[in-house]
Protein backbone atom coordinates (compact mmCIF):
# COMPACT_ATOMS: atom_id res chain seq x y z
CA UNK A 1 30.06 -11.12 -36.81
CA UNK A 2 27.10 -13.39 -36.08
CA UNK A 3 28.44 -14.23 -32.65
CA UNK A 4 29.09 -10.58 -31.87
CA UNK A 5 25.54 -9.67 -32.87
CA UNK A 6 24.23 -12.07 -30.23
CA UNK A 7 26.16 -10.28 -27.49
CA UNK A 8 25.79 -6.75 -28.92
CA UNK A 9 22.17 -6.55 -30.18
CA UNK A 10 20.98 -3.71 -32.35
CA UNK A 11 17.77 -3.18 -30.39
CA UNK A 12 19.11 -0.21 -28.38
CA UNK A 13 20.30 3.10 -29.74
CA UNK A 14 21.84 4.75 -26.68
CA UNK A 15 22.92 3.65 -23.19
CA UNK A 16 20.65 4.32 -20.25
CA UNK A 17 22.02 5.79 -17.00
CA UNK A 18 21.82 2.41 -15.30
CA UNK A 19 23.69 0.75 -18.17
CA UNK A 20 26.47 3.29 -17.72
CA UNK A 21 26.41 2.61 -13.98
CA UNK A 22 26.70 -1.14 -14.60
CA UNK A 23 29.62 -0.44 -16.94
CA UNK A 24 31.47 1.50 -14.22
CA UNK A 25 30.75 -1.26 -11.68
CA UNK A 26 31.96 -3.81 -14.23
CA UNK A 27 35.25 -1.91 -14.53
CA UNK A 28 35.53 -1.89 -10.74
CA UNK A 29 34.67 -5.57 -10.53
CA UNK A 30 37.19 -6.53 -13.21
CA UNK A 31 39.90 -4.62 -11.30
CA UNK A 32 38.96 -6.47 -8.11
CA UNK A 33 39.08 -9.83 -9.91
CA UNK A 34 42.47 -9.02 -11.45
CA UNK A 35 43.85 -8.05 -8.04
CA UNK A 36 42.51 -11.26 -6.53
CA UNK A 37 43.97 -13.32 -9.38
CA UNK A 38 47.41 -11.81 -9.89
CA UNK A 39 48.31 -9.66 -6.87
CA UNK A 40 49.75 -10.94 -3.63
CA UNK A 41 47.58 -9.52 -0.88
CA UNK A 42 47.12 -10.38 2.77
CA UNK A 43 44.40 -12.81 3.77
CA UNK A 44 42.14 -10.15 5.33
CA UNK A 45 42.49 -7.89 2.30
CA UNK A 46 41.63 -10.84 0.07
CA UNK A 47 38.55 -11.59 2.18
CA UNK A 48 37.51 -7.95 1.94
CA UNK A 49 37.88 -7.94 -1.86
CA UNK A 50 35.84 -11.15 -2.07
CA UNK A 51 33.09 -9.53 0.02
CA UNK A 52 33.10 -6.49 -2.22
CA UNK A 53 32.99 -8.60 -5.36
CA UNK A 54 30.13 -10.65 -3.92
CA UNK A 55 28.17 -7.45 -3.23
CA UNK A 56 28.77 -6.20 -6.77
CA UNK A 57 27.62 -9.58 -8.11
CA UNK A 58 24.38 -9.22 -6.14
CA UNK A 59 23.83 -5.81 -7.74
CA UNK A 60 24.43 -7.31 -11.20
CA UNK A 61 22.05 -10.21 -10.53
CA UNK A 62 19.35 -7.88 -9.21
CA UNK A 63 19.70 -5.67 -12.29
CA UNK A 64 19.59 -8.72 -14.59
CA UNK A 65 16.43 -10.20 -13.06
CA UNK A 66 14.75 -6.78 -12.86
CA UNK A 67 15.27 -6.25 -16.60
CA UNK A 68 14.20 -9.83 -17.27
CA UNK A 69 10.97 -9.20 -15.37
CA UNK A 70 10.35 -5.98 -17.35
CA UNK A 71 11.23 -7.48 -20.75
CA UNK A 72 8.30 -8.12 -23.10
CA UNK A 73 10.13 -10.94 -24.85
CA UNK A 74 11.92 -12.74 -22.01
CA UNK A 75 13.37 -15.43 -24.28
CA UNK A 76 14.94 -12.79 -26.52
CA UNK A 77 16.31 -10.96 -23.47
CA UNK A 78 17.91 -14.17 -22.18
CA UNK A 79 19.35 -14.85 -25.62
CA UNK A 80 21.06 -11.45 -25.74
CA UNK A 81 22.03 -11.11 -22.07
CA UNK A 82 22.76 -14.63 -20.79
CA UNK A 83 26.46 -13.81 -20.56
CA UNK A 84 25.65 -11.05 -18.02
CA UNK A 85 24.03 -13.69 -15.81
CA UNK A 86 26.99 -16.05 -16.12
CA UNK A 87 29.45 -13.25 -15.33
CA UNK A 88 27.48 -12.31 -12.20
CA UNK A 89 27.78 -15.70 -10.48
CA UNK A 90 29.95 -14.93 -7.44
CA UNK A 91 31.29 -18.44 -6.84
CA UNK A 92 33.11 -18.84 -10.18
CA UNK A 93 35.93 -16.31 -10.42
CA UNK A 94 37.20 -17.04 -13.98
CA UNK A 95 33.74 -16.42 -15.44
CA UNK A 96 33.67 -12.91 -13.97
CA UNK A 97 36.07 -11.74 -16.66
CA UNK A 98 33.10 -12.20 -19.00
CA UNK A 99 31.94 -8.81 -17.65
CA UNK A 100 34.25 -7.36 -20.27
CA UNK A 101 31.47 -8.12 -22.76
CA UNK A 102 29.09 -5.92 -20.78
CA UNK A 103 31.66 -3.14 -20.81
CA UNK A 104 32.19 -3.53 -24.56
CA UNK A 105 28.43 -3.49 -25.16
CA UNK A 106 27.98 -0.16 -23.40
CA UNK A 107 31.08 1.31 -25.08
CA UNK A 108 29.57 0.29 -28.43
CA UNK A 109 26.32 2.05 -27.51
CA UNK A 110 28.29 5.15 -26.50
CA UNK A 111 30.01 5.17 -29.89
CA UNK A 112 26.66 4.81 -31.67
CA UNK A 113 24.98 7.72 -29.89
CA UNK A 114 25.71 11.37 -30.70
CA UNK A 115 25.33 12.67 -27.16
CA UNK A 116 25.24 11.22 -23.66
CA UNK A 117 23.87 14.41 -22.14
CA UNK A 118 20.44 14.21 -23.79
CA UNK A 119 19.53 10.77 -22.35
CA UNK A 120 20.75 11.90 -18.93
CA UNK A 121 18.60 15.03 -19.02
CA UNK A 122 15.54 13.09 -20.17
CA UNK A 123 16.03 10.48 -17.44
CA UNK A 124 17.19 12.65 -14.57
CA UNK A 125 15.79 10.49 -11.80
CA UNK A 126 17.31 7.33 -13.23
CA UNK A 127 20.61 9.15 -13.73
CA UNK A 128 20.56 10.36 -10.11
CA UNK A 129 19.86 6.89 -8.72
CA UNK A 130 22.53 5.32 -10.94
CA UNK A 131 25.09 7.94 -9.88
CA UNK A 132 24.30 7.39 -6.19
CA UNK A 133 24.67 3.63 -6.59
CA UNK A 134 28.06 3.94 -8.31
CA UNK A 135 29.26 6.54 -5.80
CA UNK A 136 28.26 4.43 -2.80
CA UNK A 137 29.91 1.23 -4.09
CA UNK A 138 33.06 3.08 -5.18
CA UNK A 139 33.49 4.98 -1.92
CA UNK A 140 32.87 1.91 0.23
CA UNK A 141 35.25 -0.21 -1.86
CA UNK A 142 38.16 2.22 -1.99
CA UNK A 143 37.86 3.46 1.60
CA UNK A 144 37.58 0.01 3.20
CA UNK A 145 40.40 -1.51 1.14
CA UNK A 146 42.76 1.43 1.65
CA UNK A 147 41.98 1.65 5.36
CA UNK A 148 42.62 -2.05 5.89
CA UNK A 149 45.91 -1.81 3.99
CA UNK A 150 47.27 1.20 5.93
CA UNK A 151 46.00 0.05 9.35
CA UNK A 152 46.78 -3.65 9.11
CA UNK A 153 49.69 -4.69 11.31
CA UNK A 154 50.03 -1.26 12.99
CA UNK A 155 50.35 -1.41 16.80
CA UNK A 156 47.20 -0.31 18.67
CA UNK A 157 45.18 -0.31 15.41
CA UNK A 158 41.68 -1.70 15.82
CA UNK A 159 40.81 -2.05 12.12
CA UNK A 160 42.41 -5.41 11.47
CA UNK A 161 39.76 -7.52 9.70
CA UNK A 162 37.61 -7.23 6.59
CA UNK A 163 34.46 -6.90 8.71
CA UNK A 164 36.05 -4.06 10.73
CA UNK A 165 37.00 -2.17 7.57
CA UNK A 166 33.55 -2.48 5.97
CA UNK A 167 31.80 -1.49 9.21
CA UNK A 168 34.09 1.51 9.62
CA UNK A 169 33.43 2.60 6.01
CA UNK A 170 29.65 2.31 6.43
CA UNK A 171 29.64 4.21 9.72
CA UNK A 172 31.97 6.91 8.43
CA UNK A 173 30.22 7.51 5.11
CA UNK A 174 26.91 7.83 6.97
CA UNK A 175 28.61 10.37 9.32
CA UNK A 176 27.21 8.48 12.33
CA UNK A 177 30.63 8.02 13.95
CA UNK A 178 30.09 5.35 16.61
CA UNK A 179 33.78 5.45 17.48
CA UNK A 180 34.11 1.70 18.00
CA UNK A 181 36.56 1.51 15.06
CA UNK A 182 38.81 4.38 14.07
CA UNK A 183 42.14 4.92 12.26
CA UNK A 184 45.33 5.53 14.23
CA UNK A 185 47.78 6.28 11.41
CA UNK A 186 48.20 9.59 9.60
CA UNK A 187 47.26 7.99 6.28
CA UNK A 188 44.18 6.52 7.94
CA UNK A 189 43.16 9.95 9.23
CA UNK A 190 43.48 11.42 5.74
CA UNK A 191 41.38 8.61 4.26
CA UNK A 192 38.81 9.09 7.01
CA UNK A 193 38.58 12.82 6.37
CA UNK A 194 38.03 12.25 2.65
CA UNK A 195 35.33 9.65 3.36
CA UNK A 196 33.56 12.02 5.77
CA UNK A 197 33.51 14.79 3.14
CA UNK A 198 32.24 12.35 0.53
CA UNK A 199 29.61 11.07 2.96
CA UNK A 200 28.28 14.55 3.70
CA UNK A 201 28.06 15.28 -0.02
CA UNK A 202 26.54 11.87 -0.73
CA UNK A 203 23.72 12.16 1.78
CA UNK A 204 23.19 15.79 0.79
CA UNK A 205 22.43 14.61 -2.72
CA UNK A 206 20.11 11.90 -1.36
CA UNK A 207 18.24 14.46 0.75
CA UNK A 208 17.81 16.76 -2.24
CA UNK A 209 16.68 13.85 -4.40
CA UNK A 210 14.10 12.69 -1.86
CA UNK A 211 12.83 16.25 -1.47
CA UNK A 212 12.43 16.57 -5.25
CA UNK A 213 10.36 13.37 -5.30
CA UNK A 214 7.87 14.67 -2.73
CA UNK A 215 7.84 18.34 -3.74
CA UNK A 216 8.33 18.39 -7.50
CA UNK A 217 5.44 17.06 -9.58
CA UNK A 218 5.86 13.65 -11.09
CA UNK A 219 6.63 13.37 -14.82
CA UNK A 220 3.37 11.47 -15.37
CA UNK A 221 1.45 14.19 -13.56
CA UNK A 222 3.18 16.83 -15.72
CA UNK A 223 2.26 14.97 -18.89
CA UNK A 224 -1.36 14.58 -17.77
CA UNK A 225 -1.59 18.27 -16.93
CA UNK A 226 -0.07 19.25 -20.28
CA UNK A 227 -2.42 16.86 -22.05
CA UNK A 228 -5.45 18.38 -20.31
CA UNK A 229 -4.28 21.90 -21.20
CA UNK A 230 -3.82 20.92 -24.84
CA UNK A 231 -7.28 19.33 -24.91
CA UNK A 232 -8.84 22.48 -23.45
CA UNK A 233 -7.06 24.70 -25.97
CA UNK A 234 -8.12 22.43 -28.84
CA UNK A 235 -11.72 22.45 -27.62
CA UNK A 236 -11.73 26.25 -27.42
CA UNK A 237 -10.20 26.50 -30.88
CA UNK A 238 -12.79 24.10 -32.31
CA UNK A 239 -15.60 26.02 -30.61
CA UNK A 240 -14.32 29.28 -32.13
CA UNK A 241 -14.02 27.66 -35.55
CA UNK A 242 -17.55 26.27 -35.29
CA UNK A 243 -18.89 29.66 -34.21
CA UNK A 244 -17.08 31.42 -37.05
CA UNK A 245 -18.36 28.81 -39.47
CA UNK A 246 -21.97 29.28 -38.35
CA UNK A 247 -21.59 33.04 -38.60
CA UNK A 248 -20.07 32.71 -42.06
CA UNK A 249 -22.89 30.41 -43.21
CA UNK A 250 -25.44 32.89 -41.86
CA UNK A 251 -23.78 35.73 -43.74
CA UNK A 252 -23.67 33.65 -46.93
CA UNK A 253 -27.38 32.85 -46.53
CA UNK A 254 -28.26 36.52 -46.04
CA UNK A 255 -26.11 37.50 -49.03
CA UNK A 256 -27.81 34.83 -51.12
CA UNK A 257 -31.22 36.24 -50.12
CA UNK A 258 -30.16 39.77 -51.03
CA UNK A 259 -28.88 38.62 -54.41
CA UNK A 260 -32.14 36.80 -55.00
CA UNK A 261 -34.15 39.89 -54.07
CA UNK A 262 -32.07 42.08 -56.40
CA UNK A 263 -32.67 39.66 -59.27
CA UNK A 264 -36.42 39.66 -58.59
CA UNK A 265 -36.46 43.49 -58.60
CA UNK A 266 -34.69 43.55 -61.98
CA UNK A 267 -37.11 41.08 -63.45
CA UNK A 268 -40.00 43.34 -62.47
């Protein structure tokens, strides 16, 4: 239990959107590593999977160092998350299976929290960015691998290498369509059509997200505005209370005078 507590600290109560995104990418990365380790694939497909895994490792390392930079207690962060760094080293394949600990950590957080919707709603921008990151990596991975598999070895096919497949996936998902690489098989056409639809949806979400950043007020600005409104309302309420208090004291003083005058009249 002591060893588990080092890898699964109790400092967090619910997973953040980016933690969930890293969990999904960890699943994807573990699948890639298992395919590279146990499956018999062609050399170009293997090179493509290695490129994809390297890219995912760079995302993990960037996320690790970003959180390390933000952490107040960097030594404590390293103590609890060193295994994430080790699992993100792209050159050592066996260590990448250590990403299972990252998956288990997030699953544990999911089990501890009562709802995943509330954190997502509270952190909508972070959730949007995390979703876009996962969607982009997933679409690029699946489309490039599947396209290379179905097009490899086909006569007149021009997508024959890992670099060709990745370039085709990037161009297609961005809906640019240079036309230098294109599928020639029926299965390739179906994959291309799906990627185009996903790309249109993907960049539609990005456009809407960027518009919301420039048009919608920032959360900090909202909080400042709400704070100023609350301060103004409190000031008005205090002013009314002070005015009522002064009026009440004046009435009490006048009443006291009247009582005093009545007593003096009786004494006469």
